[in-house]
Amino acid sequence: MGLTQGQVLFAAGLILLGILFLIANLGLFDITAGGVVSTLWPLVIIALGLWKLATDRGVGLAAPAILIGLGVVFLLASLDILPWGSSWPLVIIVIGLAILLQGVQLRKNGGAPEGDDSVSIIAMFSGAERRVTSQAFRGGKISAIFGGGELDLRDARLAPGAVLSITALCGGVENKQKGTGGPATPLLTVNASVTFGGLEIKN
């Protein structure tokens, strides 16, 4: 049984509170309102990544991994543990690791490789367009991270139980499809995780 949203927020709060007091005990900053805001703002990014990791189901680990990784890098720089002039390459490393993580997860969870009846799209710092004409489309995964993805399903028919998982982090995804033909027409289930990005579904 998964955690409720309230349990996730409570656990994330405990983690952040523990980090706050640990950093203060190490003498890295003074516990004042100004010190907390100016020094520990990256904890907000880390908290968002933890929240998405715990609550978003079936949409991939790349977006939460990037948020948590960038939050840690910014926190280290803010605390002068690893100055920004030295730590900025870690941002590139985090993004590269996230790409590999997303690819591994797609292979692990996606079953058979992409074919006429499914899609596997990763748009990283680029754009990707895919037009599907399958008459039994089963779904797939789309990840747009600092990029954009477009899926055109207007000439396709859906198989029963079709599921499309979408991750958009600082990027956008557009899904074009035909309107439903009636109660008996199969529907496409969309699981989406959108952070600082956009998702548009056109019927």
C-alpha atoms as a PDB file:
ATOM      1  CA  MET A   1       0.000   0.000   0.000  1.00  0.00           C
ATOM      2  CA  GLY A   2       1.413   3.402  -1.009  1.00  0.00           C
ATOM      3  CA  LEU A   3       1.784   6.416   1.217  1.00  0.00           C
ATOM      4  CA  THR A   4      -0.916   9.055   1.318  1.00  0.00           C
ATOM      5  CA  GLN A   5      -0.070  12.605   0.262  1.00  0.00           C
ATOM      6  CA  GLY A   6      -0.236  13.706   3.897  1.00  0.00           C
ATOM      7  CA  GLN A   7       2.244  11.014   4.955  1.00  0.00           C
ATOM      8  CA  VAL A   8       4.594  11.998   2.147  1.00  0.00           C
ATOM      9  CA  LEU A   9       4.512  15.668   3.154  1.00  0.00           C
ATOM     10  CA  PHE A  10       5.043  14.771   6.820  1.00  0.00           C
ATOM     11  CA  ALA A  11       8.026  12.542   5.980  1.00  0.00           C
ATOM     12  CA  ALA A  12       9.525  15.205   3.691  1.00  0.00           C
ATOM     13  CA  GLY A  13       9.094  17.769   6.457  1.00  0.00           C
ATOM     14  CA  LEU A  14      10.913  15.554   8.947  1.00  0.00           C
ATOM     15  CA  ILE A  15      13.784  15.019   6.509  1.00  0.00           C
ATOM     16  CA  LEU A  16      14.157  18.741   5.827  1.00  0.00           C
ATOM     17  CA  LEU A  17      13.889  19.596   9.535  1.00  0.00           C
ATOM     18  CA  GLY A  18      16.607  17.078  10.329  1.00  0.00           C
ATOM     19  CA  ILE A  19      18.863  18.490   7.616  1.00  0.00           C
ATOM     20  CA  LEU A  20      18.228  22.001   8.931  1.00  0.00           C
ATOM     21  CA  PHE A  21      19.273  21.196  12.499  1.00  0.00           C
ATOM     22  CA  LEU A  22      22.225  19.086  11.341  1.00  0.00           C
ATOM     23  CA  ILE A  23      23.600  21.944   9.256  1.00  0.00           C
ATOM     24  CA  ALA A  24      23.052  24.360  12.140  1.00  0.00           C
ATOM     25  CA  ASN A  25      24.817  22.031  14.605  1.00  0.00           C
ATOM     26  CA  LEU A  26      27.794  21.871  12.255  1.00  0.00           C
ATOM     27  CA  GLY A  27      28.041  25.643  12.498  1.00  0.00           C
ATOM     28  CA  LEU A  28      27.528  26.222   8.805  1.00  0.00           C
ATOM     29  CA  PHE A  29      24.936  28.969   9.373  1.00  0.00           C
ATOM     30  CA  ASP A  30      22.964  30.707  12.106  1.00  0.00           C
ATOM     31  CA  ILE A  31      19.323  29.772  12.663  1.00  0.00           C
ATOM     32  CA  THR A  32      17.711  33.088  11.815  1.00  0.00           C
ATOM     33  CA  ALA A  33      14.941  33.874   9.372  1.00  0.00           C
ATOM     34  CA  GLY A  34      17.360  35.614   7.016  1.00  0.00           C
ATOM     35  CA  GLY A  35      19.942  32.868   7.318  1.00  0.00           C
ATOM     36  CA  VAL A  36      17.400  30.140   6.590  1.00  0.00           C
ATOM     37  CA  VAL A  37      16.002  31.874   3.499  1.00  0.00           C
ATOM     38  CA  SER A  38      19.321  32.993   2.007  1.00  0.00           C
ATOM     39  CA  THR A  39      21.213  29.774   2.720  1.00  0.00           C
ATOM     40  CA  LEU A  40      18.746  26.901   2.677  1.00  0.00           C
ATOM     41  CA  TRP A  41      16.501  27.842  -0.251  1.00  0.00           C
ATOM     42  CA  PRO A  42      17.779  24.814  -2.245  1.00  0.00           C
ATOM     43  CA  LEU A  43      15.931  22.599   0.251  1.00  0.00           C
ATOM     44  CA  VAL A  44      12.738  23.674  -1.503  1.00  0.00           C
ATOM     45  CA  ILE A  45      14.014  22.099  -4.740  1.00  0.00           C
ATOM     46  CA  ILE A  46      15.044  18.939  -2.873  1.00  0.00           C
ATOM     47  CA  ALA A  47      11.629  18.754  -1.185  1.00  0.00           C
ATOM     48  CA  LEU A  48       9.875  19.072  -4.548  1.00  0.00           C
ATOM     49  CA  GLY A  49      11.999  16.249  -5.939  1.00  0.00           C
ATOM     50  CA  LEU A  50      11.265  14.016  -2.932  1.00  0.00           C
ATOM     51  CA  TRP A  51       7.558  14.767  -3.187  1.00  0.00           C
ATOM     52  CA  LYS A  52       7.455  13.887  -6.891  1.00  0.00           C
ATOM     53  CA  LEU A  53       9.493  10.747  -6.267  1.00  0.00           C
ATOM     54  CA  ALA A  54       6.979   9.545  -3.679  1.00  0.00           C
ATOM     55  CA  THR A  55       3.725  10.596  -5.330  1.00  0.00           C
ATOM     56  CA  ASP A  56       4.159  10.323  -9.110  1.00  0.00           C
ATOM     57  CA  ARG A  57       3.597   6.771 -10.229  1.00  0.00           C
ATOM     58  CA  GLY A  58       4.822   5.268 -13.477  1.00  0.00           C
ATOM     59  CA  VAL A  59       6.178   8.494 -14.976  1.00  0.00           C
ATOM     60  CA  GLY A  60       9.904   7.921 -14.577  1.00  0.00           C
ATOM     61  CA  LEU A  61      12.666   8.868 -12.176  1.00  0.00           C
ATOM     62  CA  ALA A  62      14.498  11.415 -14.317  1.00  0.00           C
ATOM     63  CA  ALA A  63      12.587  14.513 -13.175  1.00  0.00           C
ATOM     64  CA  PRO A  64      12.786  13.744  -9.420  1.00  0.00           C
ATOM     65  CA  ALA A  65      16.463  12.766  -9.771  1.00  0.00           C
ATOM     66  CA  ILE A  66      17.331  16.035 -11.517  1.00  0.00           C
ATOM     67  CA  LEU A  67      15.447  18.122  -8.935  1.00  0.00           C
ATOM     68  CA  ILE A  68      17.076  16.364  -5.985  1.00  0.00           C
ATOM     69  CA  GLY A  69      20.522  16.414  -7.592  1.00  0.00           C
ATOM     70  CA  LEU A  70      20.352  20.093  -8.514  1.00  0.00           C
ATOM     71  CA  GLY A  71      19.026  20.926  -5.045  1.00  0.00           C
ATOM     72  CA  VAL A  72      21.996  19.173  -3.436  1.00  0.00           C
ATOM     73  CA  VAL A  73      24.477  20.951  -5.727  1.00  0.00           C
ATOM     74  CA  PHE A  74      22.923  24.364  -5.009  1.00  0.00           C
ATOM     75  CA  LEU A  75      22.855  23.594  -1.278  1.00  0.00           C
ATOM     76  CA  LEU A  76      26.547  22.685  -1.234  1.00  0.00           C
ATOM     77  CA  ALA A  77      27.349  25.914  -3.060  1.00  0.00           C
ATOM     78  CA  SER A  78      25.106  27.981  -0.787  1.00  0.00           C
ATOM     79  CA  LEU A  79      26.827  26.579   2.307  1.00  0.00           C
ATOM     80  CA  ASP A  80      30.269  27.211   0.772  1.00  0.00           C
ATOM     81  CA  ILE A  81      31.078  23.520   1.158  1.00  0.00           C
ATOM     82  CA  LEU A  82      31.696  23.333  -2.566  1.00  0.00           C
ATOM     83  CA  PRO A  83      31.806  26.827  -4.134  1.00  0.00           C
ATOM     84  CA  TRP A  84      29.773  27.356  -7.294  1.00  0.00           C
ATOM     85  CA  GLY A  85      32.902  28.045  -9.300  1.00  0.00           C
ATOM     86  CA  SER A  86      34.009  24.488  -8.566  1.00  0.00           C
ATOM     87  CA  SER A  87      30.663  22.689  -8.321  1.00  0.00           C
ATOM     88  CA  TRP A  88      28.874  23.778 -11.522  1.00  0.00           C
ATOM     89  CA  PRO A  89      30.139  20.735 -13.498  1.00  0.00           C
ATOM     90  CA  LEU A  90      28.073  18.631 -11.093  1.00  0.00           C
ATOM     91  CA  VAL A  91      24.968  20.048 -12.792  1.00  0.00           C
ATOM     92  CA  ILE A  92      26.094  18.482 -16.079  1.00  0.00           C
ATOM     93  CA  ILE A  93      26.841  15.198 -14.283  1.00  0.00           C
ATOM     94  CA  VAL A  94      23.405  15.168 -12.629  1.00  0.00           C
ATOM     95  CA  ILE A  95      21.631  15.694 -15.942  1.00  0.00           C
ATOM     96  CA  GLY A  96      23.749  12.993 -17.625  1.00  0.00           C
ATOM     97  CA  LEU A  97      23.007  10.511 -14.841  1.00  0.00           C
ATOM     98  CA  ALA A  98      19.307  11.333 -15.097  1.00  0.00           C
ATOM     99  CA  ILE A  99      19.361  10.527 -18.826  1.00  0.00           C
ATOM    100  CA  LEU A 100      20.969   7.156 -18.110  1.00  0.00           C
ATOM    101  CA  LEU A 101      18.516   6.499 -15.272  1.00  0.00           C
ATOM    102  CA  GLN A 102      15.568   7.239 -17.508  1.00  0.00           C
ATOM    103  CA  GLY A 103      16.929   4.942 -20.202  1.00  0.00           C
ATOM    104  CA  VAL A 104      17.486   2.098 -17.732  1.00  0.00           C
ATOM    105  CA  GLN A 105      13.970   2.497 -16.364  1.00  0.00           C
ATOM    106  CA  LEU A 106      12.464   2.500 -19.835  1.00  0.00           C
ATOM    107  CA  ARG A 107      14.250  -0.767 -20.610  1.00  0.00           C
ATOM    108  CA  LYS A 108      13.265  -2.290 -17.279  1.00  0.00           C
ATOM    109  CA  ASN A 109       9.610  -1.268 -17.220  1.00  0.00           C
ATOM    110  CA  GLY A 110       8.801  -0.855 -20.864  1.00  0.00           C
ATOM    111  CA  GLY A 111       8.835  -4.516 -21.823  1.00  0.00           C
ATOM    112  CA  ALA A 112       9.495  -5.016 -25.508  1.00  0.00           C
ATOM    113  CA  PRO A 113      11.377  -2.330 -27.417  1.00  0.00           C
ATOM    114  CA  GLU A 114       9.436   0.393 -29.195  1.00  0.00           C
ATOM    115  CA  GLY A 115       7.365  -0.837 -32.105  1.00  0.00           C
ATOM    116  CA  ASP A 116       4.386   0.219 -34.193  1.00  0.00           C
ATOM    117  CA  ASP A 117       2.031  -0.222 -31.239  1.00  0.00           C
ATOM    118  CA  SER A 118       4.053   1.670 -28.600  1.00  0.00           C
ATOM    119  CA  VAL A 119       6.362   4.652 -28.250  1.00  0.00           C
ATOM    120  CA  SER A 120       9.432   5.486 -26.198  1.00  0.00           C
ATOM    121  CA  ILE A 121      10.441   9.133 -26.630  1.00  0.00           C
ATOM    122  CA  ILE A 122      13.155  11.050 -24.782  1.00  0.00           C
ATOM    123  CA  ALA A 123      13.603  14.727 -25.705  1.00  0.00           C
ATOM    124  CA  MET A 124      16.557  16.149 -23.765  1.00  0.00           C
ATOM    125  CA  PHE A 125      17.693  19.641 -24.770  1.00  0.00           C
ATOM    126  CA  SER A 126      16.004  18.976 -28.103  1.00  0.00           C
ATOM    127  CA  GLY A 127      12.670  18.330 -29.760  1.00  0.00           C
ATOM    128  CA  ALA A 128      11.058  15.076 -30.838  1.00  0.00           C
ATOM    129  CA  GLU A 129       7.966  14.442 -32.954  1.00  0.00           C
ATOM    130  CA  ARG A 130       6.262  11.109 -33.523  1.00  0.00           C
ATOM    131  CA  ARG A 131       3.225  10.239 -35.659  1.00  0.00           C
ATOM    132  CA  VAL A 132       1.557   6.923 -34.906  1.00  0.00           C
ATOM    133  CA  THR A 133      -0.780   5.111 -37.298  1.00  0.00           C
ATOM    134  CA  SER A 134      -1.106   1.843 -35.382  1.00  0.00           C
ATOM    135  CA  GLN A 135      -4.595   0.371 -35.199  1.00  0.00           C
ATOM    136  CA  ALA A 136      -3.876  -1.095 -31.756  1.00  0.00           C
ATOM    137  CA  PHE A 137      -1.802   1.534 -29.951  1.00  0.00           C
ATOM    138  CA  ARG A 138      -0.857   0.305 -26.449  1.00  0.00           C
ATOM    139  CA  GLY A 139       0.829   3.464 -25.110  1.00  0.00           C
ATOM    140  CA  GLY A 140       4.378   4.094 -23.962  1.00  0.00           C
ATOM    141  CA  LYS A 141       6.526   6.766 -22.332  1.00  0.00           C
ATOM    142  CA  ILE A 142       7.452  10.346 -23.253  1.00  0.00           C
ATOM    143  CA  SER A 143      10.110  12.331 -21.372  1.00  0.00           C
ATOM    144  CA  ALA A 144      10.742  15.989 -22.205  1.00  0.00           C
ATOM    145  CA  ILE A 145      13.527  17.466 -20.076  1.00  0.00           C
ATOM    146  CA  PHE A 146      14.663  20.930 -21.164  1.00  0.00           C
ATOM    147  CA  GLY A 147      13.084  20.016 -24.472  1.00  0.00           C
ATOM    148  CA  GLY A 148       9.790  19.315 -26.205  1.00  0.00           C
ATOM    149  CA  GLY A 149       7.903  16.257 -27.401  1.00  0.00           C
ATOM    150  CA  GLU A 150       4.918  15.908 -29.722  1.00  0.00           C
ATOM    151  CA  LEU A 151       2.859  12.745 -30.253  1.00  0.00           C
ATOM    152  CA  ASP A 152       0.246  12.620 -33.021  1.00  0.00           C
ATOM    153  CA  LEU A 153      -2.337   9.867 -32.543  1.00  0.00           C
ATOM    154  CA  ARG A 154      -5.033  11.248 -34.839  1.00  0.00           C
ATOM    155  CA  ASP A 155      -4.593   8.404 -37.332  1.00  0.00           C
ATOM    156  CA  ALA A 156      -4.253   5.712 -34.675  1.00  0.00           C
ATOM    157  CA  ARG A 157      -6.729   3.479 -32.866  1.00  0.00           C
ATOM    158  CA  LEU A 158      -6.312   2.625 -29.213  1.00  0.00           C
ATOM    159  CA  ALA A 159      -5.998  -0.859 -27.809  1.00  0.00           C
ATOM    160  CA  PRO A 160      -7.980  -1.558 -24.621  1.00  0.00           C
ATOM    161  CA  GLY A 161      -6.019  -0.497 -21.542  1.00  0.00           C
ATOM    162  CA  ALA A 162      -3.638   1.858 -23.414  1.00  0.00           C
ATOM    163  CA  VAL A 163      -1.479   3.879 -21.013  1.00  0.00           C
ATOM    164  CA  LEU A 164       0.814   6.809 -21.809  1.00  0.00           C
ATOM    165  CA  SER A 165       3.295   8.017 -19.171  1.00  0.00           C
ATOM    166  CA  ILE A 166       4.577  11.573 -19.591  1.00  0.00           C
ATOM    167  CA  THR A 167       7.384  13.409 -17.780  1.00  0.00           C
ATOM    168  CA  ALA A 168       7.947  17.111 -18.495  1.00  0.00           C
ATOM    169  CA  LEU A 169      10.683  18.952 -16.584  1.00  0.00           C
ATOM    170  CA  CYS A 170      11.397  22.475 -17.852  1.00  0.00           C
ATOM    171  CA  GLY A 171       9.900  21.276 -21.109  1.00  0.00           C
ATOM    172  CA  GLY A 172       6.605  20.601 -22.830  1.00  0.00           C
ATOM    173  CA  VAL A 173       4.650  17.720 -24.325  1.00  0.00           C
ATOM    174  CA  GLU A 174       1.790  17.936 -26.816  1.00  0.00           C
ATOM    175  CA  ASN A 175      -0.490  14.969 -27.447  1.00  0.00           C
ATOM    176  CA  LYS A 176      -2.857  15.116 -30.425  1.00  0.00           C
ATOM    177  CA  GLN A 177      -5.613  12.521 -30.680  1.00  0.00           C
ATOM    178  CA  LYS A 178      -9.092  11.995 -32.034  1.00  0.00           C
ATOM    179  CA  GLY A 179     -12.113  12.529 -29.843  1.00  0.00           C
ATOM    180  CA  THR A 180     -13.878   9.528 -28.346  1.00  0.00           C
ATOM    181  CA  GLY A 181     -16.231   7.673 -30.662  1.00  0.00           C
ATOM    182  CA  GLY A 182     -18.659   6.544 -27.995  1.00  0.00           C
ATOM    183  CA  PRO A 183     -18.912   4.658 -24.703  1.00  0.00           C
ATOM    184  CA  ALA A 184     -17.412   1.494 -26.206  1.00  0.00           C
ATOM    185  CA  THR A 185     -14.361   3.271 -27.628  1.00  0.00           C
ATOM    186  CA  PRO A 186     -11.118   2.478 -25.712  1.00  0.00           C
ATOM    187  CA  LEU A 187      -9.715   5.416 -23.771  1.00  0.00           C
ATOM    188  CA  LEU A 188      -6.079   6.458 -23.358  1.00  0.00           C
ATOM    189  CA  THR A 189      -4.978   6.733 -19.732  1.00  0.00           C
ATOM    190  CA  VAL A 190      -2.355   9.476 -19.268  1.00  0.00           C
ATOM    191  CA  ASN A 191      -0.082   9.489 -16.212  1.00  0.00           C
ATOM    192  CA  ALA A 192       1.756  12.815 -16.158  1.00  0.00           C
ATOM    193  CA  SER A 193       4.453  14.459 -14.054  1.00  0.00           C
ATOM    194  CA  VAL A 194       4.942  18.118 -15.004  1.00  0.00           C
ATOM    195  CA  THR A 195       7.457  20.400 -13.250  1.00  0.00           C
ATOM    196  CA  PHE A 196       8.181  23.897 -14.576  1.00  0.00           C
ATOM    197  CA  GLY A 197       6.795  22.723 -17.888  1.00  0.00           C
ATOM    198  CA  GLY A 198       3.568  22.131 -19.793  1.00  0.00           C
ATOM    199  CA  LEU A 199       1.297  19.406 -21.100  1.00  0.00           C
ATOM    200  CA  GLU A 200      -1.326  19.913 -23.800  1.00  0.00           C
ATOM    201  CA  ILE A 201      -3.780  17.277 -24.974  1.00  0.00           C
ATOM    202  CA  LYS A 202      -5.738  18.115 -28.118  1.00  0.00           C
ATOM    203  CA  ASN A 203      -8.789  16.113 -29.175  1.00  0.00           C
END
